[in-house]
Amino acid sequence: MGIDTTLQGGPCQYLDQDLASAYLAEKGLRIAPKTLGKLRVTGGGPAYRKFGRKPVYEIPDLDFWVD
């Protein structure tokens, strides 16, 4: 099936917590969205940025974290 990483015809630069979790599951790492939230607090998770109060992840950062 696959995660749609396009937005209005261009590449989607940022994934929210739910989409990041689904993307990681496609890569073979099943991790719940809430676990990503916990890793943001405790450390050890993928790099993220915040837009306002919303944490977002870039696909290259998720790929780097998985490898």
Protein backbone atom coordinates (compact mmCIF):
# COMPACT_ATOMS: atom_id res chain seq x y z
CA MET A 1 0.00 0.00 0.00
CA GLY A 2 2.59 2.57 1.04
CA ILE A 3 2.68 5.96 2.67
CA ASP A 4 1.92 8.85 0.33
CA THR A 5 4.90 11.15 0.77
CA THR A 6 3.70 13.69 -1.76
CA LEU A 7 1.91 16.92 -1.08
CA GLN A 8 0.33 18.84 -3.96
CA GLY A 9 2.57 17.15 -6.51
CA GLY A 10 5.84 17.72 -4.65
CA PRO A 11 7.67 15.73 -2.03
CA CYS A 12 6.31 16.00 1.49
CA GLN A 13 9.11 17.37 3.60
CA TYR A 14 7.68 16.64 7.05
CA LEU A 15 5.67 13.78 8.56
CA ASP A 16 3.63 14.10 11.72
CA GLN A 17 3.92 11.53 14.50
CA ASP A 18 1.29 9.16 13.04
CA LEU A 19 2.71 9.27 9.52
CA ALA A 20 6.25 8.84 10.85
CA SER A 21 5.12 5.74 12.73
CA ALA A 22 3.51 4.32 9.58
CA TYR A 23 6.61 5.13 7.53
CA LEU A 24 8.85 3.35 10.04
CA ALA A 25 6.51 0.33 9.98
CA GLU A 26 7.03 0.14 6.21
CA LYS A 27 10.77 0.11 6.85
CA GLY A 28 10.33 -2.89 9.16
CA LEU A 29 10.35 -1.07 12.51
CA ARG A 30 6.95 -1.22 14.12
CA ILE A 31 6.87 1.63 16.58
CA ALA A 32 3.73 3.23 17.98
CA PRO A 33 3.17 6.97 17.60
CA LYS A 34 3.10 7.32 21.39
CA THR A 35 6.50 5.63 21.58
CA LEU A 36 7.90 8.30 19.28
CA GLY A 37 6.50 10.85 21.74
CA LYS A 38 8.17 9.10 24.65
CA LEU A 39 11.49 8.98 22.79
CA ARG A 40 11.28 12.74 22.23
CA VAL A 41 11.19 13.20 26.00
CA THR A 42 13.67 10.53 27.07
CA GLY A 43 16.02 10.72 24.09
CA GLY A 44 17.16 8.08 21.67
CA GLY A 45 14.54 8.71 19.00
CA PRO A 46 14.83 10.18 15.52
CA ALA A 47 15.61 13.86 15.04
CA TYR A 48 12.52 16.05 14.90
CA ARG A 49 11.50 19.65 14.55
CA LYS A 50 8.56 21.54 15.94
CA PHE A 51 6.10 23.70 14.08
CA GLY A 52 4.36 25.50 16.88
CA ARG A 53 3.46 22.72 19.28
CA LYS A 54 3.47 19.97 16.67
CA PRO A 55 6.55 17.74 16.33
CA VAL A 56 7.38 16.69 12.77
CA TYR A 57 9.94 14.37 11.25
CA GLU A 58 11.86 14.49 7.98
CA ILE A 59 12.14 11.25 6.02
CA PRO A 60 15.98 11.35 5.79
CA ASP A 61 16.13 11.69 9.60
CA LEU A 62 13.85 8.66 10.02
CA ASP A 63 15.94 6.65 7.55
CA PHE A 64 19.14 7.62 9.37
CA TRP A 65 17.66 6.60 12.72
CA VAL A 66 16.54 3.21 11.40
CA ASP A 67 19.96 2.43 9.90
